[in-house]
PDB file of N, CA and C in Angstrom:
ATOM      1  N   GLN A   1      88.983 171.015 111.185  1.00  0.00           N
ATOM      2  CA  GLN A   1      90.024 171.025 110.600  1.00  0.00           C
ATOM      3  C   GLN A   1      89.975 168.805 111.118  1.00  0.00           C
ATOM      4  N   VAL A   2      90.240 168.137 110.486  1.00  0.00           N
ATOM      5  CA  VAL A   2      90.540 166.862 110.690  1.00  0.00           C
ATOM      6  C   VAL A   2      92.319 166.820 111.599  1.00  0.00           C
ATOM      7  N   GLN A   3      92.243 166.063 112.315  1.00  0.00           N
ATOM      8  CA  GLN A   3      92.932 165.681 113.775  1.00  0.00           C
ATOM      9  C   GLN A   3      93.311 164.147 114.046  1.00  0.00           C
ATOM     10  N   LEU A   4      94.725 164.141 113.167  1.00  0.00           N
ATOM     11  CA  LEU A   4      95.242 162.949 113.252  1.00  0.00           C
ATOM     12  C   LEU A   4      96.469 162.503 114.322  1.00  0.00           C
ATOM     13  N   VAL A   5      95.888 161.727 115.324  1.00  0.00           N
ATOM     14  CA  VAL A   5      96.789 161.057 116.738  1.00  0.00           C
ATOM     15  C   VAL A   5      97.785 159.866 116.223  1.00  0.00           C
ATOM     16  N   GLU A   6      98.577 159.848 116.062  1.00  0.00           N
ATOM     17  CA  GLU A   6      99.884 158.361 115.793  1.00  0.00           C
ATOM     18  C   GLU A   6      99.808 158.361 117.411  1.00  0.00           C
ATOM     19  N   SER A   7     100.196 156.911 117.594  1.00  0.00           N
ATOM     20  CA  SER A   7     100.386 156.043 118.934  1.00  0.00           C
ATOM     21  C   SER A   7     101.587 154.882 118.342  1.00  0.00           C
ATOM     22  N   GLY A   8     102.476 154.359 119.461  1.00  0.00           N
ATOM     23  CA  GLY A   8     103.363 153.096 119.046  1.00  0.00           C
ATOM     24  C   GLY A   8     104.333 153.132 118.827  1.00  0.00           C
ATOM     25  N   GLY A   9     105.474 154.657 118.618  1.00  0.00           N
ATOM     26  CA  GLY A   9     106.452 154.390 118.562  1.00  0.00           C
ATOM     27  C   GLY A   9     107.216 153.883 119.075  1.00  0.00           C
ATOM     28  N   GLY A  10     108.687 154.309 119.475  1.00  0.00           N
ATOM     29  CA  GLY A  10     109.523 153.453 120.524  1.00  0.00           C
ATOM     30  C   GLY A  10     110.820 152.960 120.448  1.00  0.00           C
ATOM     31  N   LEU A  11     111.240 152.891 121.399  1.00  0.00           N
ATOM     32  CA  LEU A  11     112.533 152.228 120.718  1.00  0.00           C
ATOM     33  C   LEU A  11     112.902 150.486 120.529  1.00  0.00           C
ATOM     34  N   VAL A  12     113.335 150.025 119.657  1.00  0.00           N
ATOM     35  CA  VAL A  12     113.297 148.671 119.086  1.00  0.00           C
ATOM     36  C   VAL A  12     114.751 148.530 119.097  1.00  0.00           C
ATOM     37  N   GLN A  13     115.036 146.576 119.001  1.00  0.00           N
ATOM     38  CA  GLN A  13     115.753 146.373 118.684  1.00  0.00           C
ATOM     39  C   GLN A  13     115.898 145.877 116.945  1.00  0.00           C
ATOM     40  N   ALA A  14     117.285 145.713 116.327  1.00  0.00           N
ATOM     41  CA  ALA A  14     117.326 145.223 114.957  1.00  0.00           C
ATOM     42  C   ALA A  14     116.168 144.441 114.650  1.00  0.00           C
ATOM     43  N   GLY A  15     115.403 143.735 113.675  1.00  0.00           N
ATOM     44  CA  GLY A  15     115.083 142.612 113.273  1.00  0.00           C
ATOM     45  C   GLY A  15     113.631 142.788 114.184  1.00  0.00           C
ATOM     46  N   GLY A  16     113.571 143.418 115.346  1.00  0.00           N
ATOM     47  CA  GLY A  16     111.873 143.653 115.593  1.00  0.00           C
ATOM     48  C   GLY A  16     111.212 144.241 115.209  1.00  0.00           C
ATOM     49  N   SER A  17     109.713 144.076 115.903  1.00  0.00           N
ATOM     50  CA  SER A  17     108.957 144.604 115.214  1.00  0.00           C
ATOM     51  C   SER A  17     107.736 145.772 116.570  1.00  0.00           C
ATOM     52  N   LEU A  18     106.972 146.239 115.500  1.00  0.00           N
ATOM     53  CA  LEU A  18     106.448 147.599 115.738  1.00  0.00           C
ATOM     54  C   LEU A  18     105.111 148.199 114.832  1.00  0.00           C
ATOM     55  N   ARG A  19     104.677 147.855 116.103  1.00  0.00           N
ATOM     56  CA  ARG A  19     103.183 148.508 114.918  1.00  0.00           C
ATOM     57  C   ARG A  19     102.687 150.174 115.234  1.00  0.00           C
ATOM     58  N   LEU A  20     102.304 150.870 114.765  1.00  0.00           N
ATOM     59  CA  LEU A  20     102.083 151.967 114.885  1.00  0.00           C
ATOM     60  C   LEU A  20     100.712 152.261 114.347  1.00  0.00           C
ATOM     61  N   SER A  21      99.660 153.223 114.958  1.00  0.00           N
ATOM     62  CA  SER A  21      99.029 153.062 114.899  1.00  0.00           C
ATOM     63  C   SER A  21      98.557 155.053 115.073  1.00  0.00           C
ATOM     64  N   CYS A  22      97.190 155.380 113.704  1.00  0.00           N
ATOM     65  CA  CYS A  22      97.252 156.745 113.693  1.00  0.00           C
ATOM     66  C   CYS A  22      95.474 157.106 113.334  1.00  0.00           C
ATOM     67  N   ALA A  23      95.088 157.530 114.421  1.00  0.00           N
ATOM     68  CA  ALA A  23      93.178 157.479 114.670  1.00  0.00           C
ATOM     69  C   ALA A  23      93.253 158.968 114.308  1.00  0.00           C
ATOM     70  N   ALA A  24      91.951 158.945 113.359  1.00  0.00           N
ATOM     71  CA  ALA A  24      91.331 160.323 113.172  1.00  0.00           C
ATOM     72  C   ALA A  24      90.103 160.492 113.787  1.00  0.00           C
ATOM     73  N   SER A  25      89.881 161.925 113.269  1.00  0.00           N
ATOM     74  CA  SER A  25      89.279 162.608 114.425  1.00  0.00           C
ATOM     75  C   SER A  25      87.314 162.547 113.434  1.00  0.00           C
ATOM     76  N   ARG A  26      87.811 162.935 112.308  1.00  0.00           N
ATOM     77  CA  ARG A  26      86.404 163.068 111.391  1.00  0.00           C
ATOM     78  C   ARG A  26      86.076 161.359 110.423  1.00  0.00           C
ATOM     79  N   SER A  27      84.796 161.213 109.982  1.00  0.00           N
ATOM     80  CA  SER A  27      84.285 160.140 109.162  1.00  0.00           C
ATOM     81  C   SER A  27      85.557 160.467 107.870  1.00  0.00           C
ATOM     82  N   ILE A  28      85.810 161.565 107.195  1.00  0.00           N
ATOM     83  CA  ILE A  28      85.981 162.110 106.034  1.00  0.00           C
ATOM     84  C   ILE A  28      87.514 160.836 105.766  1.00  0.00           C
ATOM     85  N   PHE A  29      88.157 160.104 107.155  1.00  0.00           N
ATOM     86  CA  PHE A  29      89.095 159.091 107.239  1.00  0.00           C
ATOM     87  C   PHE A  29      88.649 157.952 106.077  1.00  0.00           C
ATOM     88  N   ASN A  30      86.875 157.681 106.494  1.00  0.00           N
ATOM     89  CA  ASN A  30      86.595 156.258 105.249  1.00  0.00           C
ATOM     90  C   ASN A  30      86.872 156.697 104.224  1.00  0.00           C
ATOM     91  N   SER A  31      86.724 157.917 103.209  1.00  0.00           N
ATOM     92  CA  SER A  31      86.708 158.398 101.938  1.00  0.00           C
ATOM     93  C   SER A  31      88.413 158.980 101.142  1.00  0.00           C
ATOM     94  N   ASN A  32      89.503 158.649 102.005  1.00  0.00           N
ATOM     95  CA  ASN A  32      90.291 159.257 101.793  1.00  0.00           C
ATOM     96  C   ASN A  32      91.420 158.448 101.650  1.00  0.00           C
ATOM     97  N   ALA A  33      92.282 158.875 100.998  1.00  0.00           N
ATOM     98  CA  ALA A  33      93.908 158.063 100.794  1.00  0.00           C
ATOM     99  C   ALA A  33      94.241 158.546 101.900  1.00  0.00           C
ATOM    100  N   MET A  34      95.612 157.056 102.570  1.00  0.00           N
ATOM    101  CA  MET A  34      95.741 157.644 103.832  1.00  0.00           C
ATOM    102  C   MET A  34      97.851 157.176 104.060  1.00  0.00           C
ATOM    103  N   GLY A  35      98.202 157.707 104.571  1.00  0.00           N
ATOM    104  CA  GLY A  35      99.843 157.233 104.194  1.00  0.00           C
ATOM    105  C   GLY A  35     100.948 157.456 105.699  1.00  0.00           C
ATOM    106  N   TRP A  36     101.669 156.717 105.567  1.00  0.00           N
ATOM    107  CA  TRP A  36     102.945 156.907 106.460  1.00  0.00           C
ATOM    108  C   TRP A  36     104.074 157.579 105.846  1.00  0.00           C
ATOM    109  N   TYR A  37     104.564 158.720 106.398  1.00  0.00           N
ATOM    110  CA  TYR A  37     105.721 159.189 105.978  1.00  0.00           C
ATOM    111  C   TYR A  37     106.856 158.883 106.966  1.00  0.00           C
ATOM    112  N   ARG A  38     107.820 159.225 106.459  1.00  0.00           N
ATOM    113  CA  ARG A  38     109.246 159.409 107.652  1.00  0.00           C
ATOM    114  C   ARG A  38     110.015 160.328 107.370  1.00  0.00           C
ATOM    115  N   GLN A  39     110.510 160.583 108.228  1.00  0.00           N
ATOM    116  CA  GLN A  39     111.812 161.596 107.929  1.00  0.00           C
ATOM    117  C   GLN A  39     112.680 161.278 109.146  1.00  0.00           C
ATOM    118  N   ALA A  40     114.051 160.564 108.566  1.00  0.00           N
ATOM    119  CA  ALA A  40     115.420 160.505 109.413  1.00  0.00           C
ATOM    120  C   ALA A  40     116.169 161.523 109.672  1.00  0.00           C
ATOM    121  N   PRO A  41     116.724 161.809 110.834  1.00  0.00           N
ATOM    122  CA  PRO A  41     118.120 162.671 110.600  1.00  0.00           C
ATOM    123  C   PRO A  41     118.725 163.382 109.515  1.00  0.00           C
ATOM    124  N   GLY A  42     118.582 164.806 109.105  1.00  0.00           N
ATOM    125  CA  GLY A  42     119.551 164.701 107.821  1.00  0.00           C
ATOM    126  C   GLY A  42     119.050 164.624 106.663  1.00  0.00           C
ATOM    127  N   LYS A  43     117.917 163.979 106.528  1.00  0.00           N
ATOM    128  CA  LYS A  43     117.151 163.386 104.936  1.00  0.00           C
ATOM    129  C   LYS A  43     116.085 163.800 104.921  1.00  0.00           C
ATOM    130  N   GLN A  44     115.656 163.645 103.494  1.00  0.00           N
ATOM    131  CA  GLN A  44     114.031 164.240 103.467  1.00  0.00           C
ATOM    132  C   GLN A  44     113.277 163.406 103.836  1.00  0.00           C
ATOM    133  N   ARG A  45     112.250 164.236 103.682  1.00  0.00           N
ATOM    134  CA  ARG A  45     110.603 163.223 104.008  1.00  0.00           C
ATOM    135  C   ARG A  45     110.387 162.303 103.131  1.00  0.00           C
ATOM    136  N   GLU A  46     109.921 161.065 103.649  1.00  0.00           N
ATOM    137  CA  GLU A  46     109.814 160.049 101.985  1.00  0.00           C
ATOM    138  C   GLU A  46     108.297 159.631 102.510  1.00  0.00           C
ATOM    139  N   LEU A  47     108.028 158.445 101.660  1.00  0.00           N
ATOM    140  CA  LEU A  47     106.428 158.323 101.981  1.00  0.00           C
ATOM    141  C   LEU A  47     107.201 156.712 102.114  1.00  0.00           C
ATOM    142  N   ALA A  48     106.688 156.502 103.495  1.00  0.00           N
ATOM    143  CA  ALA A  48     106.911 154.874 103.558  1.00  0.00           C
ATOM    144  C   ALA A  48     105.746 153.631 103.009  1.00  0.00           C
ATOM    145  N   ALA A  49     104.560 154.649 103.230  1.00  0.00           N
ATOM    146  CA  ALA A  49     103.256 153.547 102.817  1.00  0.00           C
ATOM    147  C   ALA A  49     102.194 153.874 102.301  1.00  0.00           C
ATOM    148  N   ARG A  50     101.308 153.886 101.545  1.00  0.00           N
ATOM    149  CA  ARG A  50     100.142 154.442 101.484  1.00  0.00           C
ATOM    150  C   ARG A  50      98.847 153.292 101.425  1.00  0.00           C
ATOM    151  N   ILE A  51      97.670 153.915 101.659  1.00  0.00           N
ATOM    152  CA  ILE A  51      96.562 153.086 101.256  1.00  0.00           C
ATOM    153  C   ILE A  51      95.350 154.029 100.530  1.00  0.00           C
ATOM    154  N   SER A  52      94.967 153.243 100.072  1.00  0.00           N
ATOM    155  CA  SER A  52      93.779 154.128  99.549  1.00  0.00           C
ATOM    156  C   SER A  52      92.626 153.385 100.215  1.00  0.00           C
ATOM    157  N   SER A  53      91.383 154.613 100.021  1.00  0.00           N
ATOM    158  CA  SER A  53      90.003 154.408 100.789  1.00  0.00           C
ATOM    159  C   SER A  53      89.427 153.115 100.528  1.00  0.00           C
ATOM    160  N   GLY A  54      89.870 152.277  99.087  1.00  0.00           N
ATOM    161  CA  GLY A  54      89.401 151.096  99.113  1.00  0.00           C
ATOM    162  C   GLY A  54      90.491 150.181  99.213  1.00  0.00           C
ATOM    163  N   GLY A  55      91.957 150.662  99.567  1.00  0.00           N
ATOM    164  CA  GLY A  55      92.587 149.430 100.315  1.00  0.00           C
ATOM    165  C   GLY A  55      93.664 148.785  99.560  1.00  0.00           C
ATOM    166  N   SER A  56      94.033 149.345  98.280  1.00  0.00           N
ATOM    167  CA  SER A  56      95.225 149.492  97.606  1.00  0.00           C
ATOM    168  C   SER A  56      96.295 150.285  98.156  1.00  0.00           C
ATOM    169  N   THR A  57      97.246 149.104  97.924  1.00  0.00           N
ATOM    170  CA  THR A  57      98.663 149.782  99.405  1.00  0.00           C
ATOM    171  C   THR A  57      99.537 150.038  98.084  1.00  0.00           C
ATOM    172  N   ASN A  58     100.499 150.958  98.469  1.00  0.00           N
ATOM    173  CA  ASN A  58     101.797 151.194  98.084  1.00  0.00           C
ATOM    174  C   ASN A  58     102.845 151.506  98.942  1.00  0.00           C
ATOM    175  N   TYR A  59     104.152 150.836  98.561  1.00  0.00           N
ATOM    176  CA  TYR A  59     104.946 150.760  99.741  1.00  0.00           C
ATOM    177  C   TYR A  59     106.722 151.484  98.945  1.00  0.00           C
ATOM    178  N   ALA A  60     107.511 152.125  99.426  1.00  0.00           N
ATOM    179  CA  ALA A  60     108.659 152.566  99.233  1.00  0.00           C
ATOM    180  C   ALA A  60     109.337 151.171  99.191  1.00  0.00           C
ATOM    181  N   ASP A  61     110.212 151.146  98.135  1.00  0.00           N
ATOM    182  CA  ASP A  61     111.178 150.190  98.253  1.00  0.00           C
ATOM    183  C   ASP A  61     111.958 149.309  99.064  1.00  0.00           C
ATOM    184  N   SER A  62     112.512 150.467 100.061  1.00  0.00           N
ATOM    185  CA  SER A  62     113.185 150.326 101.212  1.00  0.00           C
ATOM    186  C   SER A  62     112.204 149.556 102.299  1.00  0.00           C
ATOM    187  N   VAL A  63     110.857 149.640 102.181  1.00  0.00           N
ATOM    188  CA  VAL A  63     110.319 148.748 103.423  1.00  0.00           C
ATOM    189  C   VAL A  63     109.478 147.839 102.727  1.00  0.00           C
ATOM    190  N   LYS A  64     109.132 147.471 101.415  1.00  0.00           N
ATOM    191  CA  LYS A  64     108.817 145.998 100.531  1.00  0.00           C
ATOM    192  C   LYS A  64     108.971 144.756 101.404  1.00  0.00           C
ATOM    193  N   GLY A  65     108.065 144.127 101.071  1.00  0.00           N
ATOM    194  CA  GLY A  65     108.443 142.926 102.261  1.00  0.00           C
ATOM    195  C   GLY A  65     108.353 142.758 103.549  1.00  0.00           C
ATOM    196  N   ARG A  66     108.580 143.863 103.997  1.00  0.00           N
ATOM    197  CA  ARG A  66     108.538 144.407 105.751  1.00  0.00           C
ATOM    198  C   ARG A  66     107.875 144.831 106.451  1.00  0.00           C
ATOM    199  N   PHE A  67     106.920 145.868 105.984  1.00  0.00           N
ATOM    200  CA  PHE A  67     105.986 146.746 105.937  1.00  0.00           C
ATOM    201  C   PHE A  67     105.029 146.593 105.535  1.00  0.00           C
ATOM    202  N   THR A  68     103.581 146.636 106.563  1.00  0.00           N
ATOM    203  CA  THR A  68     102.142 146.185 105.985  1.00  0.00           C
ATOM    204  C   THR A  68     101.290 147.262 106.918  1.00  0.00           C
ATOM    205  N   ILE A  69     100.954 148.710 105.453  1.00  0.00           N
ATOM    206  CA  ILE A  69      99.851 149.354 105.934  1.00  0.00           C
ATOM    207  C   ILE A  69      98.615 148.516 105.755  1.00  0.00           C
ATOM    208  N   SER A  70      97.578 149.319 106.835  1.00  0.00           N
ATOM    209  CA  SER A  70      96.063 148.720 106.708  1.00  0.00           C
ATOM    210  C   SER A  70      95.262 149.527 107.148  1.00  0.00           C
ATOM    211  N   ARG A  71      93.696 149.535 107.042  1.00  0.00           N
ATOM    212  CA  ARG A  71      92.759 150.951 107.385  1.00  0.00           C
ATOM    213  C   ARG A  71      91.935 149.912 108.276  1.00  0.00           C
ATOM    214  N   ASP A  72      91.385 150.540 109.698  1.00  0.00           N
ATOM    215  CA  ASP A  72      90.324 150.095 109.891  1.00  0.00           C
ATOM    216  C   ASP A  72      89.216 151.109 110.001  1.00  0.00           C
ATOM    217  N   ASN A  73      88.554 150.965 109.266  1.00  0.00           N
ATOM    218  CA  ASN A  73      87.176 152.179 108.693  1.00  0.00           C
ATOM    219  C   ASN A  73      86.152 152.802 110.117  1.00  0.00           C
ATOM    220  N   ALA A  74      86.178 151.661 110.390  1.00  0.00           N
ATOM    221  CA  ALA A  74      84.860 151.838 111.604  1.00  0.00           C
ATOM    222  C   ALA A  74      85.631 152.250 113.021  1.00  0.00           C
ATOM    223  N   LYS A  75      86.693 152.058 113.084  1.00  0.00           N
ATOM    224  CA  LYS A  75      87.766 152.781 114.533  1.00  0.00           C
ATOM    225  C   LYS A  75      88.518 153.858 113.735  1.00  0.00           C
ATOM    226  N   ASN A  76      88.127 154.530 112.334  1.00  0.00           N
ATOM    227  CA  ASN A  76      88.986 155.647 112.033  1.00  0.00           C
ATOM    228  C   ASN A  76      90.687 155.611 112.176  1.00  0.00           C
ATOM    229  N   THR A  77      90.606 154.203 112.229  1.00  0.00           N
ATOM    230  CA  THR A  77      92.252 154.042 112.035  1.00  0.00           C
ATOM    231  C   THR A  77      93.552 153.765 111.612  1.00  0.00           C
ATOM    232  N   VAL A  78      94.413 153.768 110.904  1.00  0.00           N
ATOM    233  CA  VAL A  78      95.397 153.259 109.881  1.00  0.00           C
ATOM    234  C   VAL A  78      96.342 152.921 110.554  1.00  0.00           C
ATOM    235  N   TYR A  79      97.257 151.811 110.121  1.00  0.00           N
ATOM    236  CA  TYR A  79      98.180 151.272 111.092  1.00  0.00           C
ATOM    237  C   TYR A  79      99.555 150.861 110.268  1.00  0.00           C
ATOM    238  N   LEU A  80     100.567 150.727 110.683  1.00  0.00           N
ATOM    239  CA  LEU A  80     101.591 150.097 110.198  1.00  0.00           C
ATOM    240  C   LEU A  80     102.271 149.188 110.749  1.00  0.00           C
ATOM    241  N   GLN A  81     102.635 148.133 110.270  1.00  0.00           N
ATOM    242  CA  GLN A  81     103.259 147.122 111.013  1.00  0.00           C
ATOM    243  C   GLN A  81     104.325 147.399 110.274  1.00  0.00           C
ATOM    244  N   MET A  82     105.163 147.233 111.484  1.00  0.00           N
ATOM    245  CA  MET A  82     106.591 147.063 110.557  1.00  0.00           C
ATOM    246  C   MET A  82     107.066 146.162 111.692  1.00  0.00           C
ATOM    247  N   ASN A  83     107.880 144.893 110.563  1.00  0.00           N
ATOM    248  CA  ASN A  83     108.922 144.051 110.751  1.00  0.00           C
ATOM    249  C   ASN A  83     110.275 143.625 110.054  1.00  0.00           C
ATOM    250  N   SER A  84     111.100 142.636 111.032  1.00  0.00           N
ATOM    251  CA  SER A  84     112.499 142.932 110.539  1.00  0.00           C
ATOM    252  C   SER A  84     113.136 144.428 110.177  1.00  0.00           C
ATOM    253  N   LEU A  85     112.628 145.014 111.273  1.00  0.00           N
ATOM    254  CA  LEU A  85     113.119 146.728 111.280  1.00  0.00           C
ATOM    255  C   LEU A  85     114.525 146.169 111.741  1.00  0.00           C
ATOM    256  N   LYS A  86     115.158 147.802 111.240  1.00  0.00           N
ATOM    257  CA  LYS A  86     116.667 148.218 110.700  1.00  0.00           C
ATOM    258  C   LYS A  86     117.131 149.562 110.665  1.00  0.00           C
ATOM    259  N   PRO A  87     118.251 149.591 111.450  1.00  0.00           N
ATOM    260  CA  PRO A  87     118.666 150.604 111.642  1.00  0.00           C
ATOM    261  C   PRO A  87     118.161 151.858 111.050  1.00  0.00           C
ATOM    262  N   GLU A  88     118.496 152.008 110.134  1.00  0.00           N
ATOM    263  CA  GLU A  88     117.757 152.858 108.649  1.00  0.00           C
ATOM    264  C   GLU A  88     116.516 153.120 108.428  1.00  0.00           C
ATOM    265  N   ASP A  89     115.765 151.853 109.608  1.00  0.00           N
ATOM    266  CA  ASP A  89     114.135 152.677 109.668  1.00  0.00           C
ATOM    267  C   ASP A  89     114.080 153.529 110.554  1.00  0.00           C
ATOM    268  N   THR A  90     115.506 154.173 111.778  1.00  0.00           N
ATOM    269  CA  THR A  90     115.519 154.937 112.413  1.00  0.00           C
ATOM    270  C   THR A  90     114.598 156.632 111.998  1.00  0.00           C
ATOM    271  N   ALA A  91     113.149 156.974 112.245  1.00  0.00           N
ATOM    272  CA  ALA A  91     112.759 158.036 111.941  1.00  0.00           C
ATOM    273  C   ALA A  91     111.889 158.479 112.605  1.00  0.00           C
ATOM    274  N   VAL A  92     110.983 159.911 112.288  1.00  0.00           N
ATOM    275  CA  VAL A  92     110.019 160.354 112.591  1.00  0.00           C
ATOM    276  C   VAL A  92     108.804 159.704 112.102  1.00  0.00           C
ATOM    277  N   TYR A  93     108.069 159.522 112.346  1.00  0.00           N
ATOM    278  CA  TYR A  93     107.097 158.664 111.329  1.00  0.00           C
ATOM    279  C   TYR A  93     105.224 159.478 111.456  1.00  0.00           C
ATOM    280  N   TYR A  94     105.115 160.159 110.472  1.00  0.00           N
ATOM    281  CA  TYR A  94     103.978 160.735 110.380  1.00  0.00           C
ATOM    282  C   TYR A  94     102.873 160.250 109.412  1.00  0.00           C
ATOM    283  N   CYS A  95     101.727 160.214 110.128  1.00  0.00           N
ATOM    284  CA  CYS A  95     100.548 160.273 109.533  1.00  0.00           C
ATOM    285  C   CYS A  95      99.581 161.002 108.611  1.00  0.00           C
ATOM    286  N   ASN A  96      99.397 160.690 107.388  1.00  0.00           N
ATOM    287  CA  ASN A  96      99.281 161.541 106.350  1.00  0.00           C
ATOM    288  C   ASN A  96      97.770 161.260 105.954  1.00  0.00           C
ATOM    289  N   LEU A  97      96.879 162.328 105.497  1.00  0.00           N
ATOM    290  CA  LEU A  97      95.312 161.705 104.931  1.00  0.00           C
ATOM    291  C   LEU A  97      95.117 163.202 103.990  1.00  0.00           C
ATOM    292  N   GLU A  98      95.190 162.485 102.930  1.00  0.00           N
ATOM    293  CA  GLU A  98      94.388 162.901 101.697  1.00  0.00           C
ATOM    294  C   GLU A  98      93.287 163.499 101.509  1.00  0.00           C
ATOM    295  N   ILE A  99      93.540 164.970 101.406  1.00  0.00           N
ATOM    296  CA  ILE A  99      91.992 165.720 101.757  1.00  0.00           C
ATOM    297  C   ILE A  99      91.488 166.291 100.313  1.00  0.00           C
ATOM    298  N   SER A 100      92.192 166.747  99.516  1.00  0.00           N
ATOM    299  CA  SER A 100      92.187 166.805  98.185  1.00  0.00           C
ATOM    300  C   SER A 100      93.673 166.785  97.550  1.00  0.00           C
ATOM    301  N   TYR A 101      93.474 167.623  96.568  1.00  0.00           N
ATOM    302  CA  TYR A 101      94.631 167.734  95.200  1.00  0.00           C
ATOM    303  C   TYR A 101      95.620 169.105  96.149  1.00  0.00           C
ATOM    304  N   GLY A 102      96.918 168.248  96.707  1.00  0.00           N
ATOM    305  CA  GLY A 102      97.915 169.238  97.148  1.00  0.00           C
ATOM    306  C   GLY A 102      97.210 169.874  98.710  1.00  0.00           C
ATOM    307  N   VAL A 103      96.592 169.670  99.121  1.00  0.00           N
ATOM    308  CA  VAL A 103      95.978 169.495 100.536  1.00  0.00           C
ATOM    309  C   VAL A 103      95.805 168.085 101.502  1.00  0.00           C
ATOM    310  N   SER A 104      96.664 168.235 102.481  1.00  0.00           N
ATOM    311  CA  SER A 104      96.711 166.985 103.026  1.00  0.00           C
ATOM    312  C   SER A 104      96.363 167.822 105.182  1.00  0.00           C
ATOM    313  N   ALA A 105      96.187 166.672 105.598  1.00  0.00           N
ATOM    314  CA  ALA A 105      96.192 167.003 107.261  1.00  0.00           C
ATOM    315  C   ALA A 105      97.552 165.880 107.985  1.00  0.00           C
ATOM    316  N   TRP A 106      98.215 166.350 108.700  1.00  0.00           N
ATOM    317  CA  TRP A 106      99.032 165.678 109.275  1.00  0.00           C
ATOM    318  C   TRP A 106      99.237 165.658 110.689  1.00  0.00           C
ATOM    319  N   GLY A 107      99.755 164.377 111.070  1.00  0.00           N
ATOM    320  CA  GLY A 107      99.645 164.181 112.228  1.00  0.00           C
ATOM    321  C   GLY A 107     101.042 164.530 112.979  1.00  0.00           C
ATOM    322  N   LYS A 108     101.216 164.532 114.408  1.00  0.00           N
ATOM    323  CA  LYS A 108     102.375 165.773 114.547  1.00  0.00           C
ATOM    324  C   LYS A 108     103.755 164.288 115.269  1.00  0.00           C
ATOM    325  N   GLY A 109     103.169 163.102 114.834  1.00  0.00           N
ATOM    326  CA  GLY A 109     104.005 161.929 114.366  1.00  0.00           C
ATOM    327  C   GLY A 109     104.859 161.614 115.746  1.00  0.00           C
ATOM    328  N   THR A 110     105.452 159.945 115.467  1.00  0.00           N
ATOM    329  CA  THR A 110     105.681 159.652 116.519  1.00  0.00           C
ATOM    330  C   THR A 110     107.109 158.908 116.469  1.00  0.00           C
ATOM    331  N   LEU A 111     107.614 158.737 117.040  1.00  0.00           N
ATOM    332  CA  LEU A 111     109.648 158.323 117.212  1.00  0.00           C
ATOM    333  C   LEU A 111     109.540 157.256 116.545  1.00  0.00           C
ATOM    334  N   VAL A 112     110.369 156.405 115.575  1.00  0.00           N
ATOM    335  CA  VAL A 112     111.061 155.113 115.494  1.00  0.00           C
ATOM    336  C   VAL A 112     112.258 154.846 115.818  1.00  0.00           C
ATOM    337  N   THR A 113     112.865 154.691 116.886  1.00  0.00           N
ATOM    338  CA  THR A 113     114.199 154.152 116.785  1.00  0.00           C
ATOM    339  C   THR A 113     114.855 152.559 116.660  1.00  0.00           C
ATOM    340  N   VAL A 114     115.720 152.135 116.162  1.00  0.00           N
ATOM    341  CA  VAL A 114     115.913 151.073 115.669  1.00  0.00           C
ATOM    342  C   VAL A 114     117.284 151.270 115.951  1.00  0.00           C
ATOM    343  N   SER A 115     117.450 150.109 117.216  1.00  0.00           N
ATOM    344  CA  SER A 115     118.941 150.010 117.382  1.00  0.00           C
ATOM    345  C   SER A 115     119.465 148.992 117.048  1.00  0.00           C
ATOM    346  N   SER A 116     120.753 148.945 116.809  1.00  0.00           N
ATOM    347  CA  SER A 116     121.848 147.491 116.132  1.00  0.00           C
ATOM    348  C   SER A 116     122.067 146.781 117.394  1.00  0.00           C
TER     349      SER A 116
END
């Protein structure tokens, strides 16, 4: 199975920046779309950002202009650069790899806490 390991979460003040990383264990990373999902306390999990194998990106309206997703296929790593962080960005962030229709691999998550 594909293993995904997130890192980079932590505590940051509002207006600050944080960069999340997700490392994949297999080369399948290079030919599949990946994304970052997040789940805040008491809320549903939502897609924050997604990047295709070709580099096309999609963002939730709530993070557009502030977050940037990117990937380094040589390192089997996807990143989420988060700028101008807001308290409402506080959530557990999960790395996702799309294996096939309806099938995904997930990381364990990394907690991002934005204080006011």
